[in-house]
Amino acid sequence: MKAGNQQTGARLRVVLAPDVAIGPGKADLLQGVGETGSIAAAGRDLGMSYKKAWGLIEALNAQFGTPLVTTSRGGSTRGGAELTELGHKILDQYRKMEAKTEKAIAGDLIAMRKLLPNGGE
């Protein structure tokens, strides 16, 4: 999901421990790294500065104690980034939780939208 595309529905933020949380921004960043092989490209796709994207990845790696993303240095072969096995597990589990949340509240969302002017259209 690119920045600026406001989706309707739930935006799940899961607090795993004090100061350890994952939400749509971090999940989208992890997914972007997995798809592009680049922290910079993933951040750009989300409208996020490289510094912010790198900071979020560093924080996730530190919080989980094992890297979710590994990087290789630049140079003639150019650098890159990839999700580790743990990174894939965290992203997959988060996406499953998102899907369960959407399913659980679907009826309530429909009812709430009907209360908007013009039924939310």
PDB file of N, CA and C in Angstrom:
ATOM      1  N   MET A   1       0.853  -1.185   0.000  1.00  0.00           N
ATOM      2  CA  MET A   1       0.000   0.000   0.000  1.00  0.00           C
ATOM      3  C   MET A   1       0.888   1.234   0.000  1.00  0.00           C
ATOM      4  N   LYS A   2       0.660   2.123  -0.898  1.00  0.00           N
ATOM      5  CA  LYS A   2       1.441   3.350  -0.963  1.00  0.00           C
ATOM      6  C   LYS A   2       0.882   4.384   0.001  1.00  0.00           C
ATOM      7  N   ALA A   3       1.766   5.261   0.450  1.00  0.00           N
ATOM      8  CA  ALA A   3       1.342   6.323   1.364  1.00  0.00           C
ATOM      9  C   ALA A   3       0.289   7.180   0.670  1.00  0.00           C
ATOM     10  N   GLY A   4      -0.671   7.638   1.428  1.00  0.00           N
ATOM     11  CA  GLY A   4      -1.695   8.509   0.873  1.00  0.00           C
ATOM     12  C   GLY A   4      -2.928   7.749   0.429  1.00  0.00           C
ATOM     13  N   ASN A   5      -2.843   6.439   0.293  1.00  0.00           N
ATOM     14  CA  ASN A   5      -3.998   5.629  -0.064  1.00  0.00           C
ATOM     15  C   ASN A   5      -4.685   5.200   1.223  1.00  0.00           C
ATOM     16  N   GLN A   6      -5.599   6.011   1.684  1.00  0.00           N
ATOM     17  CA  GLN A   6      -6.282   5.692   2.934  1.00  0.00           C
ATOM     18  C   GLN A   6      -7.285   4.588   2.679  1.00  0.00           C
ATOM     19  N   GLN A   7      -7.076   3.445   3.276  1.00  0.00           N
ATOM     20  CA  GLN A   7      -8.008   2.342   3.153  1.00  0.00           C
ATOM     21  C   GLN A   7      -9.083   2.481   4.207  1.00  0.00           C
ATOM     22  N   THR A   8     -10.244   1.936   3.894  1.00  0.00           N
ATOM     23  CA  THR A   8     -11.280   1.861   4.908  1.00  0.00           C
ATOM     24  C   THR A   8     -11.098   0.557   5.661  1.00  0.00           C
ATOM     25  N   GLY A   9     -11.660   0.477   6.821  1.00  0.00           N
ATOM     26  CA  GLY A   9     -11.554  -0.730   7.616  1.00  0.00           C
ATOM     27  C   GLY A   9     -10.615  -0.540   8.783  1.00  0.00           C
ATOM     28  N   ALA A  10     -10.240  -1.642   9.371  1.00  0.00           N
ATOM     29  CA  ALA A  10      -9.394  -1.609  10.563  1.00  0.00           C
ATOM     30  C   ALA A  10      -7.934  -1.391  10.189  1.00  0.00           C
ATOM     31  N   ARG A  11      -7.216  -0.734  11.079  1.00  0.00           N
ATOM     32  CA  ARG A  11      -5.761  -0.582  10.957  1.00  0.00           C
ATOM     33  C   ARG A  11      -5.211  -1.175  12.241  1.00  0.00           C
ATOM     34  N   LEU A  12      -4.716  -2.383  12.128  1.00  0.00           N
ATOM     35  CA  LEU A  12      -4.313  -3.160  13.291  1.00  0.00           C
ATOM     36  C   LEU A  12      -2.911  -2.784  13.757  1.00  0.00           C
ATOM     37  N   ARG A  13      -2.795  -2.490  15.033  1.00  0.00           N
ATOM     38  CA  ARG A  13      -1.503  -2.246  15.680  1.00  0.00           C
ATOM     39  C   ARG A  13      -1.432  -3.195  16.855  1.00  0.00           C
ATOM     40  N   VAL A  14      -0.408  -4.046  16.852  1.00  0.00           N
ATOM     41  CA  VAL A  14      -0.268  -5.064  17.878  1.00  0.00           C
ATOM     42  C   VAL A  14       0.906  -4.692  18.776  1.00  0.00           C
ATOM     43  N   VAL A  15       0.623  -4.540  20.063  1.00  0.00           N
ATOM     44  CA  VAL A  15       1.664  -4.246  21.043  1.00  0.00           C
ATOM     45  C   VAL A  15       2.068  -5.571  21.676  1.00  0.00           C
ATOM     46  N   LEU A  16       3.311  -5.975  21.409  1.00  0.00           N
ATOM     47  CA  LEU A  16       3.805  -7.273  21.861  1.00  0.00           C
ATOM     48  C   LEU A  16       4.435  -7.208  23.242  1.00  0.00           C
ATOM     49  N   ALA A  17       4.994  -6.073  23.573  1.00  0.00           N
ATOM     50  CA  ALA A  17       5.663  -5.839  24.858  1.00  0.00           C
ATOM     51  C   ALA A  17       5.812  -4.325  24.983  1.00  0.00           C
ATOM     52  N   PRO A  18       6.143  -3.834  26.167  1.00  0.00           N
ATOM     53  CA  PRO A  18       6.364  -2.390  26.266  1.00  0.00           C
ATOM     54  C   PRO A  18       7.394  -1.942  25.218  1.00  0.00           C
ATOM     55  N   ASP A  19       7.047  -0.946  24.451  1.00  0.00           N
ATOM     56  CA  ASP A  19       7.912  -0.393  23.408  1.00  0.00           C
ATOM     57  C   ASP A  19       8.192  -1.342  22.254  1.00  0.00           C
ATOM     58  N   VAL A  20       7.390  -2.398  22.090  1.00  0.00           N
ATOM     59  CA  VAL A  20       7.530  -3.305  20.942  1.00  0.00           C
ATOM     60  C   VAL A  20       6.156  -3.471  20.314  1.00  0.00           C
ATOM     61  N   ALA A  21       5.992  -2.905  19.123  1.00  0.00           N
ATOM     62  CA  ALA A  21       4.705  -2.978  18.437  1.00  0.00           C
ATOM     63  C   ALA A  21       4.933  -3.132  16.941  1.00  0.00           C
ATOM     64  N   ILE A  22       3.958  -3.717  16.294  1.00  0.00           N
ATOM     65  CA  ILE A  22       3.965  -3.788  14.839  1.00  0.00           C
ATOM     66  C   ILE A  22       2.578  -3.392  14.356  1.00  0.00           C
ATOM     67  N   GLY A  23       2.573  -2.546  13.352  1.00  0.00           N
ATOM     68  CA  GLY A  23       1.328  -2.074  12.771  1.00  0.00           C
ATOM     69  C   GLY A  23       1.448  -2.039  11.264  1.00  0.00           C
ATOM     70  N   PRO A  24       0.512  -1.371  10.617  1.00  0.00           N
ATOM     71  CA  PRO A  24       0.496  -1.376   9.152  1.00  0.00           C
ATOM     72  C   PRO A  24       1.755  -0.781   8.514  1.00  0.00           C
ATOM     73  N   GLY A  25       2.319   0.250   9.100  1.00  0.00           N
ATOM     74  CA  GLY A  25       3.504   0.865   8.517  1.00  0.00           C
ATOM     75  C   GLY A  25       4.709  -0.056   8.524  1.00  0.00           C
ATOM     76  N   LYS A  26       4.985  -0.670   9.670  1.00  0.00           N
ATOM     77  CA  LYS A  26       6.123  -1.589   9.761  1.00  0.00           C
ATOM     78  C   LYS A  26       5.881  -2.828   8.911  1.00  0.00           C
ATOM     79  N   ALA A  27       4.650  -3.329   8.912  1.00  0.00           N
ATOM     80  CA  ALA A  27       4.341  -4.511   8.098  1.00  0.00           C
ATOM     81  C   ALA A  27       4.512  -4.192   6.606  1.00  0.00           C
ATOM     82  N   ASP A  28       4.017  -3.045   6.186  1.00  0.00           N
ATOM     83  CA  ASP A  28       4.165  -2.659   4.779  1.00  0.00           C
ATOM     84  C   ASP A  28       5.632  -2.467   4.417  1.00  0.00           C
ATOM     85  N   LEU A  29       6.420  -1.936   5.350  1.00  0.00           N
ATOM     86  CA  LEU A  29       7.848  -1.753   5.108  1.00  0.00           C
ATOM     87  C   LEU A  29       8.540  -3.111   4.965  1.00  0.00           C
ATOM     88  N   LEU A  30       8.233  -4.052   5.861  1.00  0.00           N
ATOM     89  CA  LEU A  30       8.805  -5.391   5.745  1.00  0.00           C
ATOM     90  C   LEU A  30       8.418  -6.034   4.420  1.00  0.00           C
ATOM     91  N   GLN A  31       7.163  -5.903   4.049  1.00  0.00           N
ATOM     92  CA  GLN A  31       6.708  -6.475   2.788  1.00  0.00           C
ATOM     93  C   GLN A  31       7.438  -5.831   1.613  1.00  0.00           C
ATOM     94  N   GLY A  32       7.608  -4.522   1.675  1.00  0.00           N
ATOM     95  CA  GLY A  32       8.320  -3.818   0.615  1.00  0.00           C
ATOM     96  C   GLY A  32       9.765  -4.258   0.486  1.00  0.00           C
ATOM     97  N   VAL A  33      10.422  -4.462   1.610  1.00  0.00           N
ATOM     98  CA  VAL A  33      11.807  -4.951   1.582  1.00  0.00           C
ATOM     99  C   VAL A  33      11.838  -6.328   0.929  1.00  0.00           C
ATOM    100  N   GLY A  34      10.891  -7.172   1.300  1.00  0.00           N
ATOM    101  CA  GLY A  34      10.825  -8.506   0.712  1.00  0.00           C
ATOM    102  C   GLY A  34      10.596  -8.476  -0.785  1.00  0.00           C
ATOM    103  N   GLU A  35       9.795  -7.522  -1.244  1.00  0.00           N
ATOM    104  CA  GLU A  35       9.463  -7.432  -2.669  1.00  0.00           C
ATOM    105  C   GLU A  35      10.540  -6.742  -3.494  1.00  0.00           C
ATOM    106  N   THR A  36      11.204  -5.736  -2.907  1.00  0.00           N
ATOM    107  CA  THR A  36      12.159  -4.936  -3.683  1.00  0.00           C
ATOM    108  C   THR A  36      13.612  -5.290  -3.413  1.00  0.00           C
ATOM    109  N   GLY A  37      13.884  -5.910  -2.276  1.00  0.00           N
ATOM    110  CA  GLY A  37      15.263  -6.185  -1.907  1.00  0.00           C
ATOM    111  C   GLY A  37      16.014  -4.938  -1.494  1.00  0.00           C
ATOM    112  N   SER A  38      15.271  -3.900  -1.096  1.00  0.00           N
ATOM    113  CA  SER A  38      15.889  -2.614  -0.774  1.00  0.00           C
ATOM    114  C   SER A  38      15.086  -1.880   0.288  1.00  0.00           C
ATOM    115  N   ILE A  39      15.775  -1.426   1.326  1.00  0.00           N
ATOM    116  CA  ILE A  39      15.115  -0.593   2.344  1.00  0.00           C
ATOM    117  C   ILE A  39      14.734   0.747   1.740  1.00  0.00           C
ATOM    118  N   ALA A  40      15.629   1.323   0.942  1.00  0.00           N
ATOM    119  CA  ALA A  40      15.371   2.626   0.324  1.00  0.00           C
ATOM    120  C   ALA A  40      14.152   2.559  -0.593  1.00  0.00           C
ATOM    121  N   ALA A  41      14.083   1.547  -1.445  1.00  0.00           N
ATOM    122  CA  ALA A  41      12.956   1.428  -2.376  1.00  0.00           C
ATOM    123  C   ALA A  41      11.650   1.182  -1.629  1.00  0.00           C
ATOM    124  N   ALA A  42      11.699   0.324  -0.607  1.00  0.00           N
ATOM    125  CA  ALA A  42      10.499   0.055   0.181  1.00  0.00           C
ATOM    126  C   ALA A  42      10.007   1.332   0.859  1.00  0.00           C
ATOM    127  N   GLY A  43      10.921   2.087   1.443  1.00  0.00           N
ATOM    128  CA  GLY A  43      10.547   3.350   2.074  1.00  0.00           C
ATOM    129  C   GLY A  43       9.978   4.339   1.077  1.00  0.00           C
ATOM    130  N   ARG A  44      10.642   4.457  -0.073  1.00  0.00           N
ATOM    131  CA  ARG A  44      10.166   5.373  -1.124  1.00  0.00           C
ATOM    132  C   ARG A  44       8.752   5.024  -1.540  1.00  0.00           C
ATOM    133  N   ASP A  45       8.480   3.733  -1.741  1.00  0.00           N
ATOM    134  CA  ASP A  45       7.143   3.306  -2.148  1.00  0.00           C
ATOM    135  C   ASP A  45       6.076   3.681  -1.130  1.00  0.00           C
ATOM    136  N   LEU A  46       6.493   3.837   0.122  1.00  0.00           N
ATOM    137  CA  LEU A  46       5.557   4.192   1.191  1.00  0.00           C
ATOM    138  C   LEU A  46       5.572   5.688   1.505  1.00  0.00           C
ATOM    139  N   GLY A  47       6.369   6.460   0.742  1.00  0.00           N
ATOM    140  CA  GLY A  47       6.470   7.895   1.003  1.00  0.00           C
ATOM    141  C   GLY A  47       7.260   8.194   2.259  1.00  0.00           C
ATOM    142  N   MET A  48       8.180   7.315   2.600  1.00  0.00           N
ATOM    143  CA  MET A  48       8.956   7.400   3.831  1.00  0.00           C
ATOM    144  C   MET A  48      10.407   7.707   3.479  1.00  0.00           C
ATOM    145  N   SER A  49      11.050   8.541   4.268  1.00  0.00           N
ATOM    146  CA  SER A  49      12.465   8.827   4.026  1.00  0.00           C
ATOM    147  C   SER A  49      13.294   7.576   4.308  1.00  0.00           C
ATOM    148  N   TYR A  50      14.468   7.517   3.688  1.00  0.00           N
ATOM    149  CA  TYR A  50      15.374   6.390   3.922  1.00  0.00           C
ATOM    150  C   TYR A  50      15.739   6.322   5.398  1.00  0.00           C
ATOM    151  N   LYS A  51      15.980   7.491   5.999  1.00  0.00           N
ATOM    152  CA  LYS A  51      16.370   7.532   7.408  1.00  0.00           C
ATOM    153  C   LYS A  51      15.278   6.926   8.294  1.00  0.00           C
ATOM    154  N   LYS A  52      14.037   7.270   8.023  1.00  0.00           N
ATOM    155  CA  LYS A  52      12.932   6.725   8.821  1.00  0.00           C
ATOM    156  C   LYS A  52      12.794   5.225   8.587  1.00  0.00           C
ATOM    157  N   ALA A  53      12.864   4.804   7.320  1.00  0.00           N
ATOM    158  CA  ALA A  53      12.745   3.383   7.002  1.00  0.00           C
ATOM    159  C   ALA A  53      13.866   2.585   7.677  1.00  0.00           C
ATOM    160  N   TRP A  54      15.087   3.078   7.561  1.00  0.00           N
ATOM    161  CA  TRP A  54      16.232   2.401   8.177  1.00  0.00           C
ATOM    162  C   TRP A  54      16.055   2.342   9.696  1.00  0.00           C
ATOM    163  N   GLY A  55      15.601   3.422  10.306  1.00  0.00           N
ATOM    164  CA  GLY A  55      15.378   3.463  11.751  1.00  0.00           C
ATOM    165  C   GLY A  55      14.347   2.440  12.198  1.00  0.00           C
ATOM    166  N   LEU A  56      13.264   2.291  11.431  1.00  0.00           N
ATOM    167  CA  LEU A  56      12.243   1.297  11.780  1.00  0.00           C
ATOM    168  C   LEU A  56      12.791  -0.126  11.672  1.00  0.00           C
ATOM    169  N   ILE A  57      13.586  -0.376  10.628  1.00  0.00           N
ATOM    170  CA  ILE A  57      14.182  -1.709  10.464  1.00  0.00           C
ATOM    171  C   ILE A  57      15.167  -1.988  11.592  1.00  0.00           C
ATOM    172  N   GLU A  58      16.000  -1.008  11.928  1.00  0.00           N
ATOM    173  CA  GLU A  58      16.942  -1.193  13.034  1.00  0.00           C
ATOM    174  C   GLU A  58      16.210  -1.475  14.340  1.00  0.00           C
ATOM    175  N   ALA A  59      15.127  -0.741  14.576  1.00  0.00           N
ATOM    176  CA  ALA A  59      14.349  -0.941  15.805  1.00  0.00           C
ATOM    177  C   ALA A  59      13.743  -2.340  15.841  1.00  0.00           C
ATOM    178  N   LEU A  60      13.144  -2.779  14.736  1.00  0.00           N
ATOM    179  CA  LEU A  60      12.572  -4.123  14.688  1.00  0.00           C
ATOM    180  C   LEU A  60      13.640  -5.183  14.941  1.00  0.00           C
ATOM    181  N   ASN A  61      14.780  -5.037  14.284  1.00  0.00           N
ATOM    182  CA  ASN A  61      15.863  -6.007  14.466  1.00  0.00           C
ATOM    183  C   ASN A  61      16.298  -6.065  15.927  1.00  0.00           C
ATOM    184  N   ALA A  62      16.416  -4.908  16.565  1.00  0.00           N
ATOM    185  CA  ALA A  62      16.841  -4.859  17.962  1.00  0.00           C
ATOM    186  C   ALA A  62      15.765  -5.422  18.888  1.00  0.00           C
ATOM    187  N   GLN A  63      14.512  -5.085  18.636  1.00  0.00           N
ATOM    188  CA  GLN A  63      13.427  -5.509  19.507  1.00  0.00           C
ATOM    189  C   GLN A  63      13.229  -7.021  19.502  1.00  0.00           C
ATOM    190  N   PHE A  64      13.423  -7.647  18.348  1.00  0.00           N
ATOM    191  CA  PHE A  64      13.236  -9.094  18.263  1.00  0.00           C
ATOM    192  C   PHE A  64      14.498  -9.860  18.624  1.00  0.00           C
ATOM    193  N   GLY A  65      15.629  -9.149  18.759  1.00  0.00           N
ATOM    194  CA  GLY A  65      16.868  -9.788  19.175  1.00  0.00           C
ATOM    195  C   GLY A  65      17.551 -10.587  18.086  1.00  0.00           C
ATOM    196  N   THR A  66      16.849 -10.850  17.032  1.00  0.00           N
ATOM    197  CA  THR A  66      17.354 -11.540  15.845  1.00  0.00           C
ATOM    198  C   THR A  66      16.867 -10.726  14.656  1.00  0.00           C
ATOM    199  N   PRO A  67      17.697 -10.474  13.680  1.00  0.00           N
ATOM    200  CA  PRO A  67      17.272  -9.620  12.563  1.00  0.00           C
ATOM    201  C   PRO A  67      16.044 -10.144  11.817  1.00  0.00           C
ATOM    202  N   LEU A  68      15.159  -9.230  11.506  1.00  0.00           N
ATOM    203  CA  LEU A  68      14.044  -9.513  10.608  1.00  0.00           C
ATOM    204  C   LEU A  68      14.463  -9.194   9.181  1.00  0.00           C
ATOM    205  N   VAL A  69      15.437  -8.280   9.066  1.00  0.00           N
ATOM    206  CA  VAL A  69      15.975  -7.860   7.770  1.00  0.00           C
ATOM    207  C   VAL A  69      17.491  -7.880   7.869  1.00  0.00           C
ATOM    208  N   THR A  70      18.136  -8.464   6.863  1.00  0.00           N
ATOM    209  CA  THR A  70      19.593  -8.403   6.775  1.00  0.00           C
ATOM    210  C   THR A  70      19.951  -7.533   5.579  1.00  0.00           C
ATOM    211  N   THR A  71      21.113  -6.905   5.670  1.00  0.00           N
ATOM    212  CA  THR A  71      21.563  -6.027   4.590  1.00  0.00           C
ATOM    213  C   THR A  71      22.949  -6.435   4.133  1.00  0.00           C
ATOM    214  N   SER A  72      23.246  -6.062   2.898  1.00  0.00           N
ATOM    215  CA  SER A  72      24.602  -6.226   2.382  1.00  0.00           C
ATOM    216  C   SER A  72      25.066  -4.853   1.929  1.00  0.00           C
ATOM    217  N   ARG A  73      26.349  -4.605   2.085  1.00  0.00           N
ATOM    218  CA  ARG A  73      26.902  -3.296   1.778  1.00  0.00           C
ATOM    219  C   ARG A  73      26.883  -3.030   0.278  1.00  0.00           C
ATOM    220  N   GLY A  74      26.916  -1.748  -0.034  1.00  0.00           N
ATOM    221  CA  GLY A  74      26.937  -1.311  -1.430  1.00  0.00           C
ATOM    222  C   GLY A  74      28.281  -1.564  -2.083  1.00  0.00           C
ATOM    223  N   GLY A  75      28.593  -0.781  -3.059  1.00  0.00           N
ATOM    224  CA  GLY A  75      29.838  -0.956  -3.801  1.00  0.00           C
ATOM    225  C   GLY A  75      29.517  -1.300  -5.235  1.00  0.00           C
ATOM    226  N   SER A  76      30.427  -1.998  -5.891  1.00  0.00           N
ATOM    227  CA  SER A  76      30.226  -2.287  -7.311  1.00  0.00           C
ATOM    228  C   SER A  76      29.013  -3.185  -7.538  1.00  0.00           C
ATOM    229  N   THR A  77      28.690  -4.042  -6.563  1.00  0.00           N
ATOM    230  CA  THR A  77      27.523  -4.917  -6.716  1.00  0.00           C
ATOM    231  C   THR A  77      26.259  -4.303  -6.143  1.00  0.00           C
ATOM    232  N   ARG A  78      26.377  -3.121  -5.583  1.00  0.00           N
ATOM    233  CA  ARG A  78      25.269  -2.415  -4.937  1.00  0.00           C
ATOM    234  C   ARG A  78      24.751  -3.206  -3.751  1.00  0.00           C
ATOM    235  N   GLY A  79      24.259  -2.502  -2.773  1.00  0.00           N
ATOM    236  CA  GLY A  79      23.780  -3.136  -1.557  1.00  0.00           C
ATOM    237  C   GLY A  79      22.402  -3.710  -1.742  1.00  0.00           C
ATOM    238  N   GLY A  80      21.919  -4.335  -0.714  1.00  0.00           N
ATOM    239  CA  GLY A  80      20.586  -4.903  -0.778  1.00  0.00           C
ATOM    240  C   GLY A  80      20.103  -5.272   0.608  1.00  0.00           C
ATOM    241  N   ALA A  81      18.875  -5.699   0.671  1.00  0.00           N
ATOM    242  CA  ALA A  81      18.265  -6.098   1.933  1.00  0.00           C
ATOM    243  C   ALA A  81      17.313  -7.243   1.647  1.00  0.00           C
ATOM    244  N   GLU A  82      17.161  -8.108   2.625  1.00  0.00           N
ATOM    245  CA  GLU A  82      16.197  -9.187   2.467  1.00  0.00           C
ATOM    246  C   GLU A  82      15.622  -9.573   3.819  1.00  0.00           C
ATOM    247  N   LEU A  83      14.407 -10.101   3.766  1.00  0.00           N
ATOM    248  CA  LEU A  83      13.780 -10.584   4.988  1.00  0.00           C
ATOM    249  C   LEU A  83      14.432 -11.902   5.388  1.00  0.00           C
ATOM    250  N   THR A  84      14.653 -12.060   6.667  1.00  0.00           N
ATOM    251  CA  THR A  84      15.139 -13.323   7.195  1.00  0.00           C
ATOM    252  C   THR A  84      13.946 -14.260   7.375  1.00  0.00           C
ATOM    253  N   GLU A  85      14.217 -15.470   7.785  1.00  0.00           N
ATOM    254  CA  GLU A  85      13.135 -16.417   8.066  1.00  0.00           C
ATOM    255  C   GLU A  85      12.214 -15.844   9.143  1.00  0.00           C
ATOM    256  N   LEU A  86      12.815 -15.240  10.185  1.00  0.00           N
ATOM    257  CA  LEU A  86      12.005 -14.618  11.234  1.00  0.00           C
ATOM    258  C   LEU A  86      11.194 -13.451  10.681  1.00  0.00           C
ATOM    259  N   GLY A  87      11.786 -12.668   9.809  1.00  0.00           N
ATOM    260  CA  GLY A  87      11.065 -11.553   9.191  1.00  0.00           C
ATOM    261  C   GLY A  87       9.843 -12.031   8.428  1.00  0.00           C
ATOM    262  N   HIS A  88      10.004 -13.122   7.674  1.00  0.00           N
ATOM    263  CA  HIS A  88       8.861 -13.698   6.945  1.00  0.00           C
ATOM    264  C   HIS A  88       7.802 -14.196   7.916  1.00  0.00           C
ATOM    265  N   LYS A  89       8.217 -14.831   9.005  1.00  0.00           N
ATOM    266  CA  LYS A  89       7.262 -15.348   9.993  1.00  0.00           C
ATOM    267  C   LYS A  89       6.468 -14.213  10.638  1.00  0.00           C
ATOM    268  N   ILE A  90       7.169 -13.156  11.034  1.00  0.00           N
ATOM    269  CA  ILE A  90       6.497 -12.018  11.675  1.00  0.00           C
ATOM    270  C   ILE A  90       5.501 -11.379  10.712  1.00  0.00           C
ATOM    271  N   LEU A  91       5.931 -11.149   9.474  1.00  0.00           N
ATOM    272  CA  LEU A  91       5.044 -10.537   8.479  1.00  0.00           C
ATOM    273  C   LEU A  91       3.843 -11.440   8.201  1.00  0.00           C
ATOM    274  N   ASP A  92       4.068 -12.728   8.017  1.00  0.00           N
ATOM    275  CA  ASP A  92       2.966 -13.658   7.746  1.00  0.00           C
ATOM    276  C   ASP A  92       1.971 -13.688   8.904  1.00  0.00           C
ATOM    277  N   GLN A  93       2.489 -13.733  10.139  1.00  0.00           N
ATOM    278  CA  GLN A  93       1.598 -13.778  11.303  1.00  0.00           C
ATOM    279  C   GLN A  93       0.786 -12.489  11.415  1.00  0.00           C
ATOM    280  N   TYR A  94       1.439 -11.354  11.174  1.00  0.00           N
ATOM    281  CA  TYR A  94       0.729 -10.078  11.235  1.00  0.00           C
ATOM    282  C   TYR A  94      -0.385 -10.039  10.175  1.00  0.00           C
ATOM    283  N   ARG A  95      -0.085 -10.457   8.958  1.00  0.00           N
ATOM    284  CA  ARG A  95      -1.093 -10.445   7.879  1.00  0.00           C
ATOM    285  C   ARG A  95      -2.262 -11.364   8.225  1.00  0.00           C
ATOM    286  N   LYS A  96      -1.999 -12.502   8.864  1.00  0.00           N
ATOM    287  CA  LYS A  96      -3.080 -13.385   9.298  1.00  0.00           C
ATOM    288  C   LYS A  96      -3.953 -12.693  10.337  1.00  0.00           C
ATOM    289  N   MET A  97      -3.309 -11.979  11.249  1.00  0.00           N
ATOM    290  CA  MET A  97      -4.062 -11.250  12.277  1.00  0.00           C
ATOM    291  C   MET A  97      -4.912 -10.155  11.650  1.00  0.00           C
ATOM    292  N   GLU A  98      -4.375  -9.468  10.655  1.00  0.00           N
ATOM    293  CA  GLU A  98      -5.151  -8.444   9.944  1.00  0.00           C
ATOM    294  C   GLU A  98      -6.399  -9.055   9.311  1.00  0.00           C
ATOM    295  N   ALA A  99      -6.207 -10.180   8.621  1.00  0.00           N
ATOM    296  CA  ALA A  99      -7.327 -10.834   7.939  1.00  0.00           C
ATOM    297  C   ALA A  99      -8.400 -11.269   8.939  1.00  0.00           C
ATOM    298  N   LYS A 100      -7.985 -11.825  10.066  1.00  0.00           N
ATOM    299  CA  LYS A 100      -8.938 -12.238  11.099  1.00  0.00           C
ATOM    300  C   LYS A 100      -9.699 -11.038  11.651  1.00  0.00           C
ATOM    301  N   THR A 101      -8.983  -9.935  11.841  1.00  0.00           N
ATOM    302  CA  THR A 101      -9.620  -8.723  12.364  1.00  0.00           C
ATOM    303  C   THR A 101     -10.666  -8.210  11.383  1.00  0.00           C
ATOM    304  N   GLU A 102     -10.308  -8.129  10.104  1.00  0.00           N
ATOM    305  CA  GLU A 102     -11.249  -7.650   9.082  1.00  0.00           C
ATOM    306  C   GLU A 102     -12.501  -8.518   9.051  1.00  0.00           C
ATOM    307  N   LYS A 103     -12.301  -9.824   9.109  1.00  0.00           N
ATOM    308  CA  LYS A 103     -13.435 -10.745   9.067  1.00  0.00           C
ATOM    309  C   LYS A 103     -14.323 -10.573  10.295  1.00  0.00           C
ATOM    310  N   ALA A 104     -13.700 -10.427  11.457  1.00  0.00           N
ATOM    311  CA  ALA A 104     -14.447 -10.328  12.704  1.00  0.00           C
ATOM    312  C   ALA A 104     -15.303  -9.067  12.794  1.00  0.00           C
ATOM    313  N   ILE A 105     -14.853  -7.993  12.183  1.00  0.00           N
ATOM    314  CA  ILE A 105     -15.585  -6.728  12.320  1.00  0.00           C
ATOM    315  C   ILE A 105     -16.342  -6.313  11.061  1.00  0.00           C
ATOM    316  N   ALA A 106     -16.379  -7.161  10.052  1.00  0.00           N
ATOM    317  CA  ALA A 106     -17.003  -6.801   8.770  1.00  0.00           C
ATOM    318  C   ALA A 106     -18.441  -6.306   8.943  1.00  0.00           C
ATOM    319  N   GLY A 107     -19.236  -7.037   9.694  1.00  0.00           N
ATOM    320  CA  GLY A 107     -20.633  -6.634   9.898  1.00  0.00           C
ATOM    321  C   GLY A 107     -20.754  -5.310  10.629  1.00  0.00           C
ATOM    322  N   ASP A 108     -19.919  -5.103  11.625  1.00  0.00           N
ATOM    323  CA  ASP A 108     -19.941  -3.841  12.368  1.00  0.00           C
ATOM    324  C   ASP A 108     -19.532  -2.669  11.484  1.00  0.00           C
ATOM    325  N   LEU A 109     -18.570  -2.885  10.587  1.00  0.00           N
ATOM    326  CA  LEU A 109     -18.167  -1.816   9.670  1.00  0.00           C
ATOM    327  C   LEU A 109     -19.305  -1.426   8.743  1.00  0.00           C
ATOM    328  N   ILE A 110     -19.999  -2.421   8.236  1.00  0.00           N
ATOM    329  CA  ILE A 110     -21.137  -2.148   7.353  1.00  0.00           C
ATOM    330  C   ILE A 110     -22.196  -1.346   8.106  1.00  0.00           C
ATOM    331  N   ALA A 111     -22.506  -1.754   9.322  1.00  0.00           N
ATOM    332  CA  ALA A 111     -23.512  -1.050  10.125  1.00  0.00           C
ATOM    333  C   ALA A 111     -23.077   0.375  10.424  1.00  0.00           C
ATOM    334  N   MET A 112     -21.811   0.557  10.740  1.00  0.00           N
ATOM    335  CA  MET A 112     -21.318   1.892  11.064  1.00  0.00           C
ATOM    336  C   MET A 112     -21.310   2.796   9.828  1.00  0.00           C
ATOM    337  N   ARG A 113     -20.919   2.228   8.673  1.00  0.00           N
ATOM    338  CA  ARG A 113     -20.912   3.028   7.434  1.00  0.00           C
ATOM    339  C   ARG A 113     -22.306   3.512   7.074  1.00  0.00           C
ATOM    340  N   LYS A 114     -23.307   2.704   7.372  1.00  0.00           N
ATOM    341  CA  LYS A 114     -24.691   3.095   7.075  1.00  0.00           C
ATOM    342  C   LYS A 114     -25.111   4.321   7.861  1.00  0.00           C
ATOM    343  N   LEU A 115     -24.419   4.615   8.941  1.00  0.00           N
ATOM    344  CA  LEU A 115     -24.736   5.796   9.753  1.00  0.00           C
ATOM    345  C   LEU A 115     -24.110   7.064   9.200  1.00  0.00           C
ATOM    346  N   LEU A 116     -23.215   6.917   8.225  1.00  0.00           N
ATOM    347  CA  LEU A 116     -22.609   8.084   7.577  1.00  0.00           C
ATOM    348  C   LEU A 116     -23.608   8.746   6.649  1.00  0.00           C
ATOM    349  N   PRO A 117     -23.450  10.043   6.376  1.00  0.00           N
ATOM    350  CA  PRO A 117     -24.322  10.687   5.380  1.00  0.00           C
ATOM    351  C   PRO A 117     -24.235   9.924   4.055  1.00  0.00           C
ATOM    352  N   ASN A 118     -25.344   9.712   3.407  1.00  0.00           N
ATOM    353  CA  ASN A 118     -25.430   8.964   2.145  1.00  0.00           C
ATOM    354  C   ASN A 118     -24.949   7.528   2.298  1.00  0.00           C
ATOM    355  N   GLY A 119     -25.017   6.970   3.477  1.00  0.00           N
ATOM    356  CA  GLY A 119     -24.634   5.584   3.698  1.00  0.00           C
ATOM    357  C   GLY A 119     -23.165   5.307   3.465  1.00  0.00           C
ATOM    358  N   GLY A 120     -22.333   6.349   3.525  1.00  0.00           N
ATOM    359  CA  GLY A 120     -20.897   6.175   3.358  1.00  0.00           C
ATOM    360  C   GLY A 120     -20.418   6.134   1.926  1.00  0.00           C
ATOM    361  N   GLU A 121     -21.319   6.443   0.983  1.00  0.00           N
ATOM    362  CA  GLU A 121     -20.924   6.408  -0.435  1.00  0.00           C
ATOM    363  C   GLU A 121     -20.287   7.693  -0.883  1.00  0.00           C
TER     364      GLU A 121
END
